[in-house]
Amino acid sequence: MVYFHQPVLLEEVIKYLNPRKNQNYIDGTVGGGGHAKAILERISPRGHLLGLDRDPEAIQASKQSLSADADRVLLVQKSYTKIKEVIYEQRLSIPFTGCLLDLGLSSFQVSAGDERGFSFQEDRPLDMRFGPETDLTAKEILNTWSQDRLIQIFKDYGQEPRARAVAREILLFRARKPIELTSELVQIISRAVRGRLERSKGRIHPATKVFQALRIAVNDELANLRKALPDLLEALEPKGRLVIISYHSLEDRIVKQFFKQESTGCICPKEIPECRCNHRKSINILTKKPISPTEGEIKSNPRSRSAKLRALEKL
């Protein structure tokens, strides 16, 4: 099966990452290698790229798409949260001038070729794991988590206004049989929204937020992002740049808050008259506001419509 991923905000990524010849870069979500290929072109002839991804299919696809530069690419099947571990295990002493995180799903992951149930458009088993290193699946969450816990993730991770109704229908369904397929979950959501799946033309599909919430919970995406940001910044040399593309407000808020914190000095509460935190400014923010795709890009790649790019430069 062909793994494909149309790189989002490619021109903007290159602009803010600013890769130049013989520099070294990290692509923490290498996917099919679309962004990585453009970076490698600009850091030739001796620049190297470290590509990470939890998805074994993505690593195999990148090996093929980046084969022309195989001597300058190191691909590792691990999460970007493991950047310190990877640098240590691979004994990488080279300086990294920049890092990219594209937090979106690839086109392949929501296509008919993927068997993990990321998309409600295809009838697949409810897995939703990015990689095989974890045991928790969407199926386990749907069939074993309490109603209150389901409501919480649908509200917190999906911002789903009908979270309680969806959770109630899940419990009613699983009392009869385990929930195993994406089509069964869509059926459950349809009942919770009283059949409004058919009347959603021009609007977000009612299943979107529940599927998003489950994927985030399965892969612990928000906690991983919070954990990784300081480590990725630490991996960069002075004047190194970090570029992040997020796709929903929860991710963007975490990135924005991290940028704000690291671009200021003291972060003690205002009521404390003297600084006790010893926090120092460590970055300059390069994007005062998040960068969004152009109308032309959205037209050619509708999945890019919610993308937001933020960039920083390390002091």
Protein backbone atom coordinates (compact mmCIF):
# COMPACT_ATOMS: atom_id res chain seq x y z
CA MET A 1 0.00 0.00 0.00
CA VAL A 2 1.32 3.45 -0.95
CA TYR A 3 1.82 5.84 1.97
CA PHE A 4 1.21 9.42 0.91
CA HIS A 5 1.09 12.77 2.68
CA GLN A 6 0.80 16.15 1.03
CA PRO A 7 3.02 18.50 3.06
CA VAL A 8 1.05 21.37 4.59
CA LEU A 9 2.34 24.97 4.58
CA LEU A 10 5.51 23.85 2.80
CA GLU A 11 6.62 27.31 1.66
CA GLU A 12 5.97 28.74 5.11
CA VAL A 13 7.85 25.90 6.80
CA ILE A 14 10.91 26.58 4.64
CA LYS A 15 10.63 30.34 5.24
CA TYR A 16 10.57 30.08 9.04
CA LEU A 17 12.85 27.06 9.42
CA ASN A 18 15.32 28.74 7.04
CA PRO A 19 17.41 25.64 6.23
CA ARG A 20 20.79 26.37 4.64
CA LYS A 21 23.51 24.22 3.16
CA ASN A 22 25.44 21.87 5.44
CA GLN A 23 23.16 22.45 8.45
CA ASN A 24 21.47 19.63 10.40
CA TYR A 25 17.75 19.33 11.12
CA ILE A 26 15.18 17.26 12.98
CA ASP A 27 11.81 16.31 11.51
CA GLY A 28 9.98 14.99 14.54
CA THR A 29 6.96 13.80 12.54
CA VAL A 30 8.56 12.72 9.28
CA GLY A 31 5.46 11.02 7.82
CA GLY A 32 5.94 10.34 4.13
CA GLY A 33 8.93 12.67 3.97
CA GLY A 34 7.35 15.60 2.14
CA HIS A 35 8.73 18.34 4.37
CA ALA A 36 11.94 16.37 4.94
CA LYS A 37 12.67 16.17 1.22
CA ALA A 38 12.40 19.95 0.83
CA ILE A 39 14.67 20.48 3.84
CA LEU A 40 17.28 18.03 2.49
CA GLU A 41 17.40 19.86 -0.82
CA ARG A 42 18.34 23.07 0.96
CA ILE A 43 20.92 21.61 3.37
CA SER A 44 22.89 19.72 0.73
CA PRO A 45 25.58 18.67 0.14
CA ARG A 46 26.63 17.76 3.70
CA GLY A 47 23.63 18.64 5.88
CA HIS A 48 21.96 15.76 7.74
CA LEU A 49 18.37 15.12 8.80
CA LEU A 50 17.09 13.08 11.75
CA GLY A 51 13.55 11.86 11.06
CA LEU A 52 11.30 10.44 13.78
CA ASP A 53 7.84 8.88 13.57
CA ARG A 54 5.83 6.48 15.71
CA ASP A 55 4.21 4.98 12.62
CA PRO A 56 6.24 2.11 11.08
CA GLU A 57 4.43 2.66 7.76
CA ALA A 58 5.66 6.26 7.75
CA ILE A 59 9.26 5.21 8.39
CA GLN A 60 9.15 2.75 5.48
CA ALA A 61 7.59 5.37 3.21
CA SER A 62 10.25 7.92 4.15
CA LYS A 63 13.01 5.43 3.41
CA GLN A 64 11.68 5.19 -0.13
CA SER A 65 10.92 8.86 -0.73
CA LEU A 66 14.25 10.01 0.75
CA SER A 67 16.36 7.18 -0.72
CA ALA A 68 18.31 9.57 -2.96
CA ASP A 69 19.73 11.17 0.19
CA ALA A 70 19.97 8.01 2.28
CA ASP A 71 23.55 8.78 3.32
CA ARG A 72 22.36 12.04 4.92
CA VAL A 73 19.20 10.74 6.62
CA LEU A 74 18.72 8.84 9.87
CA LEU A 75 15.16 7.53 10.34
CA VAL A 76 14.07 6.24 13.74
CA GLN A 77 10.70 4.71 14.60
CA LYS A 78 10.09 6.58 17.83
CA SER A 79 7.98 9.45 19.07
CA TYR A 80 9.40 12.96 19.06
CA THR A 81 8.97 12.80 22.84
CA LYS A 82 12.00 10.47 22.83
CA ILE A 83 14.35 12.99 21.22
CA LYS A 84 16.82 12.95 24.14
CA GLU A 85 16.84 9.16 24.14
CA VAL A 86 17.38 8.99 20.38
CA ILE A 87 20.25 11.49 20.45
CA TYR A 88 21.90 9.49 23.25
CA GLU A 89 21.33 6.04 21.70
CA GLN A 90 22.49 7.13 18.25
CA ARG A 91 25.47 9.00 19.74
CA LEU A 92 24.59 12.13 17.81
CA SER A 93 27.01 14.93 18.61
CA ILE A 94 26.16 17.11 15.60
CA PRO A 95 24.51 20.48 16.24
CA PHE A 96 20.86 20.78 15.17
CA THR A 97 19.94 24.11 13.60
CA GLY A 98 16.22 23.49 13.40
CA CYS A 99 13.31 21.19 14.15
CA LEU A 100 9.88 20.70 12.58
CA LEU A 101 6.76 19.17 14.11
CA ASP A 102 3.73 18.63 11.87
CA LEU A 103 1.10 17.34 14.28
CA GLY A 104 -1.53 16.40 11.68
CA LEU A 105 -2.65 13.04 10.38
CA SER A 106 -1.27 12.01 7.02
CA SER A 107 -3.53 11.48 4.03
CA PHE A 108 -2.71 7.78 4.21
CA GLN A 109 -3.84 7.47 7.83
CA VAL A 110 -7.35 8.61 6.92
CA SER A 111 -7.49 6.73 3.62
CA ALA A 112 -9.00 3.38 2.71
CA GLY A 113 -5.55 1.83 2.89
CA ASP A 114 -5.14 2.32 6.63
CA GLU A 115 -6.60 -0.31 8.94
CA ARG A 116 -6.49 1.58 12.26
CA GLY A 117 -9.83 3.37 12.22
CA PHE A 118 -8.71 7.01 12.23
CA SER A 119 -11.43 7.92 9.73
CA PHE A 120 -15.18 7.47 10.06
CA GLN A 121 -15.40 7.34 6.26
CA GLU A 122 -14.04 3.76 6.18
CA ASP A 123 -15.29 0.78 8.17
CA ARG A 124 -12.26 -0.38 10.13
CA PRO A 125 -11.40 -1.84 13.57
CA LEU A 126 -11.24 0.81 16.30
CA ASP A 127 -7.51 0.90 16.99
CA MET A 128 -6.27 4.50 16.42
CA ARG A 129 -2.71 3.91 17.65
CA PHE A 130 -0.01 5.84 15.79
CA GLY A 131 2.49 3.12 16.62
CA PRO A 132 2.57 -0.39 18.07
CA GLU A 133 4.58 0.55 21.17
CA THR A 134 1.44 1.17 23.27
CA ASP A 135 -1.39 -1.21 24.21
CA LEU A 136 -4.32 1.17 24.66
CA THR A 137 -6.74 1.24 21.72
CA ALA A 138 -9.94 3.13 20.95
CA LYS A 139 -11.80 -0.15 21.26
CA GLU A 140 -10.60 -0.59 24.83
CA ILE A 141 -11.58 2.95 25.77
CA LEU A 142 -15.07 2.58 24.30
CA ASN A 143 -15.73 -0.79 25.95
CA THR A 144 -14.14 -0.36 29.39
CA TRP A 145 -14.00 3.28 30.42
CA SER A 146 -16.73 4.66 32.68
CA GLN A 147 -19.43 6.99 31.41
CA ASP A 148 -17.95 9.93 33.34
CA ARG A 149 -14.50 9.30 31.90
CA LEU A 150 -15.89 9.10 28.37
CA ILE A 151 -17.78 12.36 28.87
CA GLN A 152 -14.58 14.00 30.09
CA ILE A 153 -12.46 13.07 27.05
CA PHE A 154 -15.23 13.98 24.60
CA LYS A 155 -15.55 17.40 26.26
CA ASP A 156 -11.86 18.06 26.92
CA TYR A 157 -10.29 16.59 23.77
CA GLY A 158 -13.14 16.92 21.29
CA GLN A 159 -15.03 19.93 22.66
CA GLU A 160 -18.11 17.88 21.87
CA PRO A 161 -21.30 19.63 23.14
CA ARG A 162 -23.27 16.35 23.10
CA ALA A 163 -20.63 14.42 25.05
CA ARG A 164 -23.09 13.16 27.66
CA ALA A 165 -25.55 11.87 25.07
CA VAL A 166 -22.79 10.12 23.10
CA ALA A 167 -21.39 8.49 26.25
CA ARG A 168 -24.86 7.29 27.25
CA GLU A 169 -25.42 5.68 23.84
CA ILE A 170 -22.00 4.00 24.06
CA LEU A 171 -22.94 2.34 27.34
CA LEU A 172 -26.29 1.19 25.94
CA PHE A 173 -24.65 -0.29 22.84
CA ARG A 174 -21.82 -2.06 24.66
CA ALA A 175 -24.28 -3.63 27.09
CA ARG A 176 -25.47 -5.69 24.12
CA LYS A 177 -22.16 -6.32 22.36
CA PRO A 178 -18.60 -4.93 22.29
CA ILE A 179 -18.01 -1.90 20.09
CA GLU A 180 -15.43 -2.99 17.51
CA LEU A 181 -15.84 -1.07 14.24
CA THR A 182 -15.87 2.56 13.16
CA SER A 183 -19.29 2.03 11.54
CA GLU A 184 -20.70 1.00 14.93
CA LEU A 185 -19.35 4.14 16.56
CA VAL A 186 -20.84 6.31 13.79
CA GLN A 187 -24.16 4.54 14.37
CA ILE A 188 -23.92 5.32 18.09
CA ILE A 189 -23.15 8.98 17.44
CA SER A 190 -26.06 9.15 14.98
CA ARG A 191 -28.41 8.01 17.72
CA ALA A 192 -26.96 10.53 20.16
CA VAL A 193 -27.50 13.43 17.75
CA ARG A 194 -30.92 12.10 16.72
CA GLY A 195 -30.04 11.34 13.12
CA ARG A 196 -28.50 14.71 12.31
CA LEU A 197 -25.61 13.01 10.49
CA GLU A 198 -27.62 13.31 7.27
CA ARG A 199 -28.36 17.01 7.77
CA SER A 200 -24.76 18.15 8.23
CA LYS A 201 -23.95 19.32 4.69
CA GLY A 202 -21.53 22.24 4.74
CA ARG A 203 -20.77 21.69 8.42
CA ILE A 204 -18.31 19.58 10.35
CA HIS A 205 -19.42 15.94 10.43
CA PRO A 206 -20.95 15.13 13.86
CA ALA A 207 -18.57 12.20 14.29
CA THR A 208 -15.45 14.34 13.82
CA LYS A 209 -15.05 15.56 17.38
CA VAL A 210 -15.61 12.15 18.99
CA PHE A 211 -13.09 10.49 16.67
CA GLN A 212 -10.60 13.29 17.39
CA ALA A 213 -11.08 12.91 21.14
CA LEU A 214 -10.51 9.15 21.01
CA ARG A 215 -7.35 9.52 18.89
CA ILE A 216 -5.92 12.10 21.29
CA ALA A 217 -6.70 9.89 24.29
CA VAL A 218 -5.26 6.73 22.70
CA ASN A 219 -1.99 8.44 21.79
CA ASP A 220 -1.80 10.81 24.78
CA GLU A 221 -1.10 13.56 22.26
CA LEU A 222 -1.49 16.65 24.42
CA ALA A 223 0.63 15.37 27.31
CA ASN A 224 3.27 14.24 24.84
CA LEU A 225 3.40 17.68 23.24
CA ARG A 226 3.80 19.43 26.61
CA LYS A 227 6.54 17.01 27.59
CA ALA A 228 8.45 17.25 24.32
CA LEU A 229 8.61 21.00 23.74
CA PRO A 230 11.36 21.74 26.32
CA ASP A 231 13.42 18.75 25.11
CA LEU A 232 13.17 19.79 21.46
CA LEU A 233 14.23 23.32 22.34
CA GLU A 234 17.16 21.97 24.32
CA ALA A 235 18.27 19.87 21.32
CA LEU A 236 18.77 23.01 19.22
CA GLU A 237 21.93 25.06 19.04
CA PRO A 238 21.78 28.83 19.69
CA LYS A 239 19.88 30.60 16.89
CA GLY A 240 18.22 27.27 16.08
CA ARG A 241 14.58 27.36 15.04
CA LEU A 242 11.55 25.32 16.06
CA VAL A 243 8.54 25.27 13.72
CA ILE A 244 5.27 23.63 14.80
CA ILE A 245 2.12 23.02 12.76
CA SER A 246 -0.96 22.25 14.85
CA TYR A 247 -4.49 21.42 13.72
CA HIS A 248 -6.82 22.11 16.60
CA SER A 249 -7.11 24.67 19.35
CA LEU A 250 -5.94 22.35 22.13
CA GLU A 251 -2.56 21.78 20.47
CA ASP A 252 -2.20 25.40 19.42
CA ARG A 253 -2.91 26.60 22.96
CA ILE A 254 -0.13 24.40 24.37
CA VAL A 255 2.33 25.68 21.76
CA LYS A 256 1.27 29.30 22.29
CA GLN A 257 1.63 29.04 26.08
CA PHE A 258 5.08 27.44 25.79
CA PHE A 259 6.25 30.15 23.39
CA LYS A 260 4.92 32.86 25.71
CA GLN A 261 6.59 31.35 28.76
CA GLU A 262 9.98 30.90 27.12
CA SER A 263 9.93 34.39 25.57
CA THR A 264 9.66 36.10 28.97
CA GLY A 265 11.92 36.37 31.99
CA CYS A 266 10.46 36.03 35.46
CA ILE A 267 7.25 33.98 35.62
CA CYS A 268 6.60 34.39 39.34
CA PRO A 269 3.05 35.40 40.37
CA LYS A 270 2.55 39.17 40.35
CA GLU A 271 1.94 39.27 44.09
CA ILE A 272 5.53 38.13 44.76
CA PRO A 273 7.62 41.34 44.90
CA GLU A 274 10.97 39.65 44.22
CA CYS A 275 11.78 37.01 41.60
CA ARG A 276 12.21 33.51 43.01
CA CYS A 277 11.77 31.39 39.87
CA ASN A 278 15.10 32.33 38.23
CA HIS A 279 13.43 31.80 34.87
CA ARG A 280 15.20 33.46 31.97
CA LYS A 281 14.05 34.32 28.48
CA SER A 282 15.30 31.62 26.09
CA ILE A 283 13.60 32.33 22.75
CA ASN A 284 12.39 34.97 20.33
CA ILE A 285 8.97 34.37 18.79
CA LEU A 286 9.10 34.66 14.99
CA THR A 287 5.34 34.53 14.39
CA LYS A 288 3.34 37.15 16.28
CA LYS A 289 0.19 35.39 15.08
CA PRO A 290 -0.15 31.83 13.81
CA ILE A 291 0.34 31.39 10.06
CA SER A 292 -2.60 29.81 8.20
CA PRO A 293 -2.80 28.24 4.73
CA THR A 294 -3.76 30.36 1.75
CA GLU A 295 -7.11 29.91 0.06
CA GLY A 296 -5.30 28.27 -2.82
CA GLU A 297 -3.69 25.65 -0.57
CA ILE A 298 -6.96 24.93 1.20
CA LYS A 299 -8.62 24.40 -2.17
CA SER A 300 -5.94 21.97 -3.33
CA ASN A 301 -5.60 20.27 0.07
CA PRO A 302 -8.80 20.65 2.18
CA ARG A 303 -7.17 18.89 5.15
CA SER A 304 -4.88 21.90 5.55
CA ARG A 305 -7.75 24.26 6.41
CA SER A 306 -7.29 24.10 10.20
CA ALA A 307 -3.46 24.20 10.18
CA LYS A 308 -1.67 26.86 12.22
CA LEU A 309 2.08 27.39 12.13
CA ARG A 310 4.12 28.97 14.93
CA ALA A 311 7.89 29.44 14.98
CA LEU A 312 10.58 30.46 17.43
CA GLU A 313 14.32 31.10 17.45
CA LYS A 314 16.44 29.96 20.37
CA LEU A 315 18.64 32.58 22.03
